[in-house]
Amino acid sequence: MTVLELRRLNARQSQMLEDLRRTQEQLKVLAATDALTGLANRRAFHDRLKQEQALIDRKGLPASLLMMDLDHFKHINDTYGHPAGDEVLRHFARLCGQVFRASDLVARWGGEEFIALLPRTTLGEACCVAERLRQALAAQPVVVEGGVAIPATTSIGVTEMAPLQPLGQTLRELDERLYAAKTAGRNTVVGDTEAGHPRDA
């Protein structure tokens, strides 16, 4: 009886340890994820961005950043309600999943702002991706409860990360390009005039 009881206790302890490990993994994922959109959160994105900058500094590989802001989002919330606004955010996140590669990282930066890291991507290539995303959102109104179709657009700033350039400076440049896209009339991409070439999927 003692041996059998010890075996049962050992089995139970092993199961408890496995449950604890799974819970820790789930908490780790939750800590890095935006609850509404399922995208990475700002902290997780910034950690990855620092890693990418270190790689660029060592190897000089290209990488680009996109900053995306949903146009007139306050108007959407005021007109259709916050649940509809949340659905617009989720819709945009799903579109990002269709446009970006698995190796790209997209995060909710805050409110209606999103940011994307595109490793091994030049500025011209990143502008092509940004334009595809802009067109996809403009072409697909968000259908919410009751069958109401909400038109949505995005303004996008694009910049390329540079070796040995402080991240703060890169993010300021990115923010300036997003601001330029907004002041240009919104629903536009500001980064580089080069057409670039489509990236490998």
Protein backbone atom coordinates (compact mmCIF):
# COMPACT_ATOMS: atom_id res chain seq x y z
CA MET A 1 0.00 0.00 0.00
CA THR A 2 2.84 2.40 0.85
CA VAL A 3 4.54 1.86 -2.52
CA LEU A 4 1.26 2.36 -4.40
CA GLU A 5 0.52 5.52 -2.45
CA LEU A 6 4.00 6.89 -3.20
CA ARG A 7 3.49 6.19 -6.89
CA ARG A 8 0.17 8.02 -6.84
CA LEU A 9 1.73 10.97 -5.02
CA ASN A 10 4.62 11.08 -7.52
CA ALA A 11 2.20 10.97 -10.45
CA ARG A 12 0.10 13.73 -8.91
CA GLN A 13 3.20 15.85 -8.26
CA SER A 14 4.39 15.37 -11.85
CA GLN A 15 0.97 16.46 -13.14
CA MET A 16 0.99 19.52 -10.87
CA LEU A 17 4.43 20.51 -12.13
CA GLU A 18 3.31 20.12 -15.74
CA ASP A 19 0.19 22.23 -15.05
CA LEU A 20 2.39 24.88 -13.43
CA ARG A 21 4.72 24.91 -16.45
CA ARG A 22 1.76 25.36 -18.83
CA THR A 23 0.33 28.15 -16.70
CA GLN A 24 3.68 29.94 -16.69
CA GLU A 25 3.85 29.67 -20.50
CA GLN A 26 0.31 31.04 -20.83
CA LEU A 27 1.12 33.95 -18.52
CA LYS A 28 4.25 34.69 -20.55
CA VAL A 29 2.18 34.87 -23.74
CA LEU A 30 -0.49 37.02 -22.07
CA ALA A 31 2.15 39.43 -20.76
CA ALA A 32 3.35 40.04 -24.33
CA THR A 33 -0.07 40.21 -26.03
CA ASP A 34 -2.66 42.95 -26.51
CA ALA A 35 -5.88 41.48 -25.14
CA LEU A 36 -8.23 43.12 -27.66
CA THR A 37 -6.42 42.46 -30.94
CA GLY A 38 -4.24 39.45 -30.15
CA LEU A 39 -1.21 41.32 -31.52
CA ALA A 40 1.99 41.92 -29.59
CA ASN A 41 1.83 44.69 -27.00
CA ARG A 42 4.12 47.71 -26.80
CA ARG A 43 6.52 46.21 -24.28
CA ALA A 44 7.02 42.99 -26.25
CA PHE A 45 7.52 44.98 -29.45
CA HIS A 46 10.13 47.22 -27.87
CA ASP A 47 12.06 44.19 -26.58
CA ARG A 48 12.12 42.69 -30.09
CA LEU A 49 13.05 46.05 -31.60
CA LYS A 50 16.15 46.26 -29.41
CA GLN A 51 17.18 42.78 -30.56
CA GLU A 52 16.70 43.76 -34.20
CA GLN A 53 18.75 46.93 -33.74
CA ALA A 54 21.60 44.89 -32.29
CA LEU A 55 21.46 42.58 -35.32
CA ILE A 56 21.50 45.55 -37.71
CA ASP A 57 24.47 47.05 -35.86
CA ARG A 58 26.42 43.77 -36.19
CA LYS A 59 25.49 42.62 -39.69
CA GLY A 60 24.10 45.67 -41.47
CA LEU A 61 20.98 43.81 -42.66
CA PRO A 62 18.06 46.03 -43.70
CA ALA A 63 14.92 46.37 -41.59
CA SER A 64 12.03 48.81 -41.74
CA LEU A 65 9.30 50.10 -39.46
CA LEU A 66 5.69 51.08 -40.17
CA MET A 67 3.59 53.24 -37.87
CA MET A 68 -0.13 53.01 -38.64
CA ASP A 69 -2.93 55.17 -37.29
CA LEU A 70 -6.62 54.52 -37.96
CA ASP A 71 -8.08 57.72 -39.39
CA HIS A 72 -10.81 59.59 -37.49
CA PHE A 73 -11.12 56.78 -34.95
CA LYS A 74 -12.74 59.03 -32.34
CA HIS A 75 -15.49 59.78 -34.87
CA ILE A 76 -16.05 56.02 -35.32
CA ASN A 77 -16.39 55.55 -31.55
CA ASP A 78 -18.67 58.58 -31.18
CA THR A 79 -20.89 57.61 -34.13
CA TYR A 80 -21.14 53.83 -33.84
CA GLY A 81 -20.16 53.18 -30.20
CA HIS A 82 -17.11 51.71 -28.53
CA PRO A 83 -17.98 48.05 -29.25
CA ALA A 84 -18.00 48.93 -32.96
CA GLY A 85 -14.70 50.74 -32.50
CA ASP A 86 -13.24 47.62 -30.89
CA GLU A 87 -14.39 45.57 -33.89
CA VAL A 88 -12.65 48.01 -36.24
CA LEU A 89 -9.42 47.48 -34.26
CA ARG A 90 -9.81 43.70 -34.46
CA HIS A 91 -10.60 43.91 -38.19
CA PHE A 92 -7.43 45.91 -38.78
CA ALA A 93 -5.41 43.38 -36.78
CA ARG A 94 -6.80 40.56 -38.96
CA LEU A 95 -5.84 42.46 -42.12
CA CYS A 96 -2.33 42.87 -40.74
CA GLY A 97 -2.19 39.08 -40.34
CA GLN A 98 -3.02 38.73 -44.04
CA VAL A 99 -0.58 41.37 -45.33
CA PHE A 100 2.52 40.84 -43.19
CA ARG A 101 4.82 37.82 -43.15
CA ALA A 102 5.18 35.44 -40.22
CA SER A 103 8.68 36.84 -39.66
CA ASP A 104 7.30 40.40 -39.27
CA LEU A 105 6.13 41.61 -35.88
CA VAL A 106 2.99 43.74 -35.59
CA ALA A 107 1.95 45.35 -32.31
CA ARG A 108 -0.73 47.61 -30.96
CA TRP A 109 1.29 50.66 -30.00
CA GLY A 110 -1.55 52.33 -28.12
CA GLY A 111 -5.16 53.33 -28.76
CA GLU A 112 -5.69 53.22 -32.51
CA GLU A 113 -1.96 53.24 -33.34
CA PHE A 114 -0.13 50.14 -34.55
CA ILE A 115 3.51 49.50 -35.36
CA ALA A 116 5.22 46.84 -37.47
CA LEU A 117 8.81 45.62 -37.70
CA LEU A 118 9.80 44.17 -41.08
CA PRO A 119 13.20 42.45 -40.85
CA ARG A 120 15.34 42.20 -44.00
CA THR A 121 13.11 44.72 -45.74
CA THR A 122 14.29 47.92 -47.41
CA LEU A 123 12.43 51.20 -47.21
CA GLY A 124 11.07 50.89 -50.74
CA GLU A 125 9.84 47.35 -50.10
CA ALA A 126 8.23 48.43 -46.83
CA CYS A 127 6.38 51.22 -48.63
CA CYS A 128 4.93 48.63 -51.02
CA VAL A 129 3.69 46.59 -48.05
CA ALA A 130 2.24 49.71 -46.41
CA GLU A 131 0.38 50.57 -49.60
CA ARG A 132 -1.09 47.06 -49.83
CA LEU A 133 -2.34 47.34 -46.26
CA ARG A 134 -3.78 50.82 -46.87
CA GLN A 135 -5.65 49.64 -49.95
CA ALA A 136 -6.92 46.48 -48.23
CA LEU A 137 -8.44 48.44 -45.34
CA ALA A 138 -10.00 51.09 -47.62
CA ALA A 139 -11.58 48.36 -49.76
CA GLN A 140 -13.11 46.38 -46.89
CA PRO A 141 -15.59 48.25 -44.67
CA VAL A 142 -15.98 46.76 -41.22
CA VAL A 143 -19.37 45.08 -40.79
CA VAL A 144 -20.55 45.22 -37.18
CA GLU A 145 -23.61 43.97 -35.32
CA GLY A 146 -26.82 44.81 -37.16
CA GLY A 147 -25.09 44.62 -40.54
CA VAL A 148 -23.80 48.20 -40.35
CA ALA A 149 -20.78 48.72 -42.63
CA ILE A 150 -18.20 51.15 -41.22
CA PRO A 151 -15.65 52.57 -43.67
CA ALA A 152 -12.14 52.80 -42.25
CA THR A 153 -8.80 54.05 -43.53
CA THR A 154 -5.28 54.33 -42.17
CA SER A 155 -2.39 56.76 -42.39
CA ILE A 156 1.04 55.10 -42.44
CA GLY A 157 4.55 56.39 -41.84
CA VAL A 158 7.51 54.27 -42.95
CA THR A 159 11.20 54.46 -42.12
CA GLU A 160 14.24 52.21 -42.41
CA MET A 161 16.34 51.34 -39.37
CA ALA A 162 19.98 52.42 -39.66
CA PRO A 163 23.09 50.82 -38.14
CA LEU A 164 24.22 52.52 -34.92
CA GLN A 165 21.29 54.96 -34.95
CA PRO A 166 19.63 55.26 -31.52
CA LEU A 167 16.16 53.71 -31.42
CA GLY A 168 14.73 56.90 -30.00
CA GLN A 169 15.83 58.82 -33.09
CA THR A 170 14.43 56.14 -35.42
CA LEU A 171 11.06 56.21 -33.65
CA ARG A 172 10.97 60.01 -33.82
CA GLU A 173 11.57 59.85 -37.58
CA LEU A 174 8.81 57.26 -37.88
CA ASP A 175 6.41 59.43 -35.91
CA GLU A 176 7.25 62.44 -38.11
CA ARG A 177 6.41 60.45 -41.25
CA LEU A 178 3.11 59.32 -39.74
CA TYR A 179 2.32 62.94 -38.91
CA ALA A 180 3.18 63.89 -42.51
CA ALA A 181 0.75 61.22 -43.76
CA LYS A 182 -2.00 62.68 -41.58
CA THR A 183 -1.36 66.27 -42.62
CA ALA A 184 -1.28 65.18 -46.29
CA GLY A 185 -4.97 64.32 -46.01
CA ARG A 186 -4.87 60.90 -44.29
CA ASN A 187 -5.44 57.52 -45.95
CA THR A 188 -1.92 57.75 -47.36
CA VAL A 189 1.60 56.36 -46.98
CA VAL A 190 4.62 58.57 -46.36
CA GLY A 191 8.08 57.04 -46.44
CA ASP A 192 9.99 56.98 -49.68
CA THR A 193 9.19 57.90 -53.27
CA GLU A 194 10.86 54.75 -54.60
CA ALA A 195 8.38 52.14 -55.76
CA GLY A 196 10.52 49.34 -54.40
CA HIS A 197 9.96 45.68 -55.21
CA PRO A 198 7.47 43.22 -53.72
CA ARG A 199 8.99 41.10 -50.98
CA ASP A 200 9.03 37.34 -50.90
CA ALA A 201 5.93 36.02 -49.16
